[in-house]
């Protein structure tokens, strides 16, 4: 179990995430997280619900736009193979 020390950062308190925890979770510098108190403990998590909503909105946009484009007579497989041949 990793340990951290609470420090002061301006008017707020801060906790540095130990390198092994950041590496194990894939957490990166500048990434936004949600933090909340839960039964006296601190819970930190990625805002997955927001990411899922963003992904769904992007998928809907892609699907809506796909009707405006045509591959002509080519299939996707043919285009992929053609791209591999260079």
Foldseek 3Di string as FASTA:
>chain_A
DDDWDWDDDPPDIDTDDDPVRCVVVVPDPPADWDWDADPNDIDIGRPVVVVVVVVVVVVVVCVVCVVVDDPPPDDPVRVVVVVVVD
